Amino acid sequence: MRNEVDLIKAAGLLDTEEAHELRELADAAYSHYLEEAITQELNE
């Protein structure tokens, strides 16, 4: 998702602050996904 944010920023559709916020959101979402996957794996 971070790559997509960079592409959108490069196209001029986001300013630097918006791109930073979206990258942080993407990182948080991915961390949550990994945490859920690990928890599920451990519970099997």
C-alpha atoms as a PDB file:
ATOM      1  CA  MET A   1       0.000   0.000   0.000  1.00  0.00           C
ATOM      2  CA  ARG A   2       2.905   2.342   0.658  1.00  0.00           C
ATOM      3  CA  ASN A   3       3.892   2.072  -3.005  1.00  0.00           C
ATOM      4  CA  GLU A   4       0.396   3.078  -4.065  1.00  0.00           C
ATOM      5  CA  VAL A   5       0.559   6.124  -1.787  1.00  0.00           C
ATOM      6  CA  ASP A   6       3.868   7.108  -3.384  1.00  0.00           C
ATOM      7  CA  LEU A   7       2.350   6.770  -6.857  1.00  0.00           C
ATOM      8  CA  ILE A   8      -0.680   8.865  -5.901  1.00  0.00           C
ATOM      9  CA  LYS A   9       1.608  11.529  -4.400  1.00  0.00           C
ATOM     10  CA  ALA A  10       3.785  11.505  -7.514  1.00  0.00           C
ATOM     11  CA  ALA A  11       0.672  12.075  -9.622  1.00  0.00           C
ATOM     12  CA  GLY A  12       0.033  15.215  -7.582  1.00  0.00           C
ATOM     13  CA  LEU A  13      -3.157  13.938  -5.979  1.00  0.00           C
ATOM     14  CA  LEU A  14      -1.802  14.139  -2.408  1.00  0.00           C
ATOM     15  CA  ASP A  15       0.346  16.652  -0.621  1.00  0.00           C
ATOM     16  CA  THR A  16       3.274  15.583   1.552  1.00  0.00           C
ATOM     17  CA  GLU A  17       1.295  15.625   4.809  1.00  0.00           C
ATOM     18  CA  GLU A  18      -1.575  13.583   3.352  1.00  0.00           C
ATOM     19  CA  ALA A  19       0.867  11.047   1.930  1.00  0.00           C
ATOM     20  CA  HIS A  20       2.599  10.746   5.309  1.00  0.00           C
ATOM     21  CA  GLU A  21      -0.723  10.163   7.073  1.00  0.00           C
ATOM     22  CA  LEU A  22      -1.776   7.520   4.551  1.00  0.00           C
ATOM     23  CA  ARG A  23       1.569   5.727   4.888  1.00  0.00           C
ATOM     24  CA  GLU A  24       1.127   5.647   8.668  1.00  0.00           C
ATOM     25  CA  LEU A  25      -2.389   4.275   8.237  1.00  0.00           C
ATOM     26  CA  ALA A  26      -1.135   1.630   5.799  1.00  0.00           C
ATOM     27  CA  ASP A  27       1.604   0.609   8.240  1.00  0.00           C
ATOM     28  CA  ALA A  28      -0.891   0.351  11.105  1.00  0.00           C
ATOM     29  CA  ALA A  29      -3.289  -1.720   9.016  1.00  0.00           C
ATOM     30  CA  TYR A  30      -0.502  -4.089   7.962  1.00  0.00           C
ATOM     31  CA  SER A  31       0.706  -4.437  11.565  1.00  0.00           C
ATOM     32  CA  HIS A  32      -2.832  -5.267  12.656  1.00  0.00           C
ATOM     33  CA  TYR A  33      -3.128  -7.827   9.843  1.00  0.00           C
ATOM     34  CA  LEU A  34       0.125  -9.500  10.903  1.00  0.00           C
ATOM     35  CA  GLU A  35      -0.892  -9.507  14.547  1.00  0.00           C
ATOM     36  CA  GLU A  36      -4.212 -11.162  13.702  1.00  0.00           C
ATOM     37  CA  ALA A  37      -2.522 -13.740  11.462  1.00  0.00           C
ATOM     38  CA  ILE A  38       0.012 -14.641  14.158  1.00  0.00           C
ATOM     39  CA  THR A  39      -2.695 -14.906  16.810  1.00  0.00           C
ATOM     40  CA  GLN A  40      -4.782 -17.132  14.567  1.00  0.00           C
ATOM     41  CA  GLU A  41      -1.782 -19.324  13.776  1.00  0.00           C
ATOM     42  CA  LEU A  42      -0.926 -19.716  17.457  1.00  0.00           C
ATOM     43  CA  ASN A  43      -4.508 -20.669  18.298  1.00  0.00           C
ATOM     44  CA  GLU A  44      -4.640 -23.505  15.761  1.00  0.00           C
END
